[in-house]
Amino acid sequence: MNNRHLMSFLFLVLAPALALPAQTRREVPERATERIQREVRHEILMLPYYGVFDNISYKVEGYNVTLMGQVVRPTLKTDVARVVKRIEGVEKVDNQIEVLPVSPMDDQLRLRLYRAIYGFGALERYALPVVKPIRIIVKNGNVVLEGVVDSEADKNMVNLRAKSVSDVFSVTDHLRVVK
């Protein structure tokens, strides 16, 4: 009987200790996640070839970063992953960024959309910052507008300006109003 109690006691004491290595998830401090988010955003904005026709978003889960979006240049996709991997604390980078197909027609469309949106008098103030707040993504003649604007009226105006450009098949508006 005494031996049975000893075995029960050892089981109760050793079972949790043996289970610890099986736990692969570790707690991530909220401050660490916020720091990684700030640094990822900063590194993306500092990329030299990140332009108005590229859209890069990210998601931070613990020490892992998932990159999403669309870019015109294939080198930008690898540059983003490279700079994010160098951030202290980042353990894994999942690069899901799509490289848009090479198309002279899409390139012409991008320029016409840029002129229609950023060259319009009421929207010129959005052309002033180095990092443009309105992103113009063109894939096979289909346009997606990403980014932020100041008002609902500006959002509608950008959408109308994009739809007025010839050779545009469709316009999807993902603009957010930030006040």
Protein backbone atom coordinates (compact mmCIF):
# COMPACT_ATOMS: atom_id res chain seq x y z
CA MET A 1 0.00 0.00 0.00
CA ASN A 2 2.82 2.34 0.86
CA ASN A 3 4.43 1.66 -2.50
CA ARG A 4 1.19 2.56 -4.25
CA HIS A 5 1.10 5.97 -2.49
CA LEU A 6 4.69 6.62 -3.46
CA MET A 7 3.91 5.91 -7.12
CA SER A 8 0.85 8.21 -7.01
CA PHE A 9 2.90 10.95 -5.41
CA LEU A 10 5.65 10.64 -8.03
CA PHE A 11 3.09 10.70 -10.81
CA LEU A 12 1.46 13.87 -9.47
CA VAL A 13 4.81 15.62 -9.04
CA LEU A 14 6.51 14.50 -12.24
CA ALA A 15 3.59 14.68 -14.70
CA PRO A 16 3.50 18.49 -14.89
CA ALA A 17 7.28 18.67 -15.13
CA LEU A 18 7.31 16.25 -18.05
CA ALA A 19 4.53 18.14 -19.82
CA LEU A 20 6.41 21.48 -19.84
CA PRO A 21 8.65 20.72 -22.84
CA ALA A 22 5.55 19.80 -24.85
CA GLN A 23 4.28 23.34 -24.51
CA THR A 24 5.76 25.15 -27.49
CA ARG A 25 3.74 28.35 -27.11
CA ARG A 26 5.15 30.96 -24.82
CA GLU A 27 3.55 34.10 -23.55
CA VAL A 28 4.40 37.21 -25.53
CA PRO A 29 4.36 40.49 -23.62
CA GLU A 30 2.01 43.06 -25.13
CA ARG A 31 4.80 45.64 -25.16
CA ALA A 32 6.96 43.34 -27.30
CA THR A 33 4.16 42.90 -29.84
CA GLU A 34 3.55 46.66 -29.99
CA ARG A 35 7.27 47.33 -30.46
CA ILE A 36 7.48 44.80 -33.29
CA GLN A 37 4.40 46.35 -34.96
CA ARG A 38 5.94 49.84 -34.76
CA GLU A 39 9.26 48.66 -36.16
CA VAL A 40 7.67 46.66 -38.99
CA ARG A 41 5.62 49.70 -40.02
CA HIS A 42 8.70 51.93 -39.86
CA GLU A 43 10.84 49.53 -41.91
CA ILE A 44 8.16 49.20 -44.60
CA LEU A 45 7.73 52.97 -44.90
CA MET A 46 11.51 53.46 -45.15
CA LEU A 47 11.91 51.15 -48.16
CA PRO A 48 13.25 53.22 -51.07
CA TYR A 49 11.09 51.67 -53.81
CA TYR A 50 7.81 51.46 -51.88
CA GLY A 51 5.49 53.55 -54.03
CA VAL A 52 1.92 54.58 -54.61
CA PHE A 53 1.27 51.49 -56.77
CA ASP A 54 2.28 49.07 -53.98
CA ASN A 55 0.20 47.99 -51.01
CA ILE A 56 1.86 46.17 -48.12
CA SER A 57 0.07 45.15 -44.95
CA TYR A 58 1.22 42.97 -42.08
CA LYS A 59 -0.03 41.00 -39.12
CA VAL A 60 2.01 40.38 -35.97
CA GLU A 61 1.19 37.28 -33.93
CA GLY A 62 3.63 36.94 -31.08
CA TYR A 63 7.09 36.90 -32.60
CA ASN A 64 5.83 35.91 -36.07
CA VAL A 65 5.07 38.44 -38.83
CA THR A 66 2.85 37.75 -41.84
CA LEU A 67 3.33 40.09 -44.81
CA MET A 68 0.44 40.57 -47.25
CA GLY A 69 -0.45 42.83 -50.17
CA GLN A 70 0.60 43.52 -53.73
CA VAL A 71 3.75 45.02 -55.23
CA VAL A 72 4.82 45.96 -58.75
CA ARG A 73 8.52 45.04 -58.38
CA PRO A 74 9.58 41.50 -57.37
CA THR A 75 12.62 42.94 -55.59
CA LEU A 76 10.35 44.87 -53.23
CA LYS A 77 8.78 41.61 -52.05
CA THR A 78 12.18 40.22 -51.05
CA ASP A 79 13.34 43.56 -49.62
CA VAL A 80 10.36 43.73 -47.26
CA ALA A 81 10.94 40.21 -45.97
CA ARG A 82 14.65 40.90 -45.53
CA VAL A 83 14.23 44.09 -43.46
CA VAL A 84 11.47 42.57 -41.31
CA LYS A 85 13.60 39.50 -40.53
CA ARG A 86 16.32 41.80 -39.17
CA ILE A 87 14.00 43.32 -36.54
CA GLU A 88 14.98 42.23 -33.05
CA GLY A 89 12.51 39.70 -31.68
CA VAL A 90 11.06 38.55 -35.02
CA GLU A 91 11.43 34.78 -35.25
CA LYS A 92 9.51 33.96 -38.44
CA VAL A 93 8.35 35.93 -41.48
CA ASP A 94 5.59 34.53 -43.70
CA ASN A 95 5.81 36.46 -46.98
CA GLN A 96 2.42 36.27 -48.75
CA ILE A 97 2.97 39.40 -50.84
CA GLU A 98 1.75 39.04 -54.43
CA VAL A 99 3.90 40.38 -57.26
CA LEU A 100 1.60 41.95 -59.85
CA PRO A 101 2.00 40.69 -63.43
CA VAL A 102 4.09 42.73 -65.86
CA SER A 103 1.76 44.52 -68.26
CA PRO A 104 2.38 47.66 -70.34
CA MET A 105 -1.39 48.25 -70.37
CA ASP A 106 -1.52 48.17 -66.55
CA ASP A 107 1.49 50.53 -66.39
CA GLN A 108 -0.30 53.06 -68.61
CA LEU A 109 -3.44 52.65 -66.54
CA ARG A 110 -1.50 53.31 -63.33
CA LEU A 111 -0.18 56.61 -64.69
CA ARG A 112 -3.62 57.72 -65.88
CA LEU A 113 -5.17 56.80 -62.52
CA TYR A 114 -2.43 58.68 -60.68
CA ARG A 115 -3.08 61.81 -62.75
CA ALA A 116 -6.86 61.48 -62.38
CA ILE A 117 -6.72 61.12 -58.59
CA TYR A 118 -3.70 63.09 -57.40
CA GLY A 119 -3.93 65.72 -60.16
CA PHE A 120 -7.52 66.65 -59.32
CA GLY A 121 -7.69 69.99 -57.48
CA ALA A 122 -9.76 68.85 -54.51
CA LEU A 123 -7.49 65.82 -53.97
CA GLU A 124 -4.09 67.47 -54.52
CA ARG A 125 -3.39 67.66 -50.78
CA TYR A 126 -3.08 63.86 -50.75
CA ALA A 127 -0.15 64.12 -53.21
CA LEU A 128 2.00 66.17 -50.81
CA PRO A 129 3.27 63.50 -48.36
CA VAL A 130 6.20 61.34 -49.41
CA VAL A 131 4.22 58.20 -48.57
CA LYS A 132 0.95 58.67 -50.42
CA PRO A 133 -2.16 57.86 -48.35
CA ILE A 134 -4.11 56.51 -51.35
CA ARG A 135 -2.69 53.34 -52.91
CA ILE A 136 -3.59 52.45 -56.51
CA ILE A 137 -3.35 48.72 -57.23
CA VAL A 138 -3.90 47.64 -60.85
CA LYS A 139 -4.06 44.00 -61.88
CA ASN A 140 -5.20 43.08 -65.39
CA GLY A 141 -7.23 46.27 -65.75
CA ASN A 142 -8.97 45.86 -62.39
CA VAL A 143 -8.31 48.62 -59.86
CA VAL A 144 -8.26 48.39 -56.07
CA LEU A 145 -8.01 51.58 -54.03
CA GLU A 146 -6.40 51.16 -50.60
CA GLY A 147 -5.48 53.63 -47.91
CA VAL A 148 -7.02 56.48 -45.95
CA VAL A 149 -8.81 59.74 -46.71
CA ASP A 150 -10.10 62.56 -44.51
CA SER A 151 -13.81 62.43 -45.34
CA GLU A 152 -16.57 60.43 -46.96
CA ALA A 153 -16.76 63.08 -49.70
CA ASP A 154 -13.07 62.55 -50.55
CA LYS A 155 -13.60 58.79 -50.61
CA ASN A 156 -16.48 59.17 -53.08
CA MET A 157 -14.48 61.64 -55.18
CA VAL A 158 -11.49 59.26 -55.43
CA ASN A 159 -13.83 56.44 -56.43
CA LEU A 160 -15.50 58.58 -59.13
CA ARG A 161 -12.15 59.80 -60.47
CA ALA A 162 -10.87 56.21 -60.74
CA LYS A 163 -14.03 55.05 -62.52
CA SER A 164 -13.75 57.92 -65.02
CA VAL A 165 -10.42 56.63 -66.40
CA SER A 166 -10.82 54.75 -69.68
CA ASP A 167 -9.85 51.06 -69.97
CA VAL A 168 -10.61 50.38 -66.29
CA PHE A 169 -12.63 47.16 -65.99
CA SER A 170 -13.64 47.52 -62.34
CA VAL A 171 -12.88 49.63 -59.28
CA THR A 172 -12.91 48.17 -55.78
CA ASP A 173 -12.85 50.79 -53.06
CA HIS A 174 -11.13 49.77 -49.80
CA LEU A 175 -10.44 53.33 -48.68
CA ARG A 176 -11.02 54.10 -44.99
CA VAL A 177 -12.18 57.44 -43.63
CA VAL A 178 -9.94 58.64 -40.78
CA LYS A 179 -10.81 61.83 -38.95
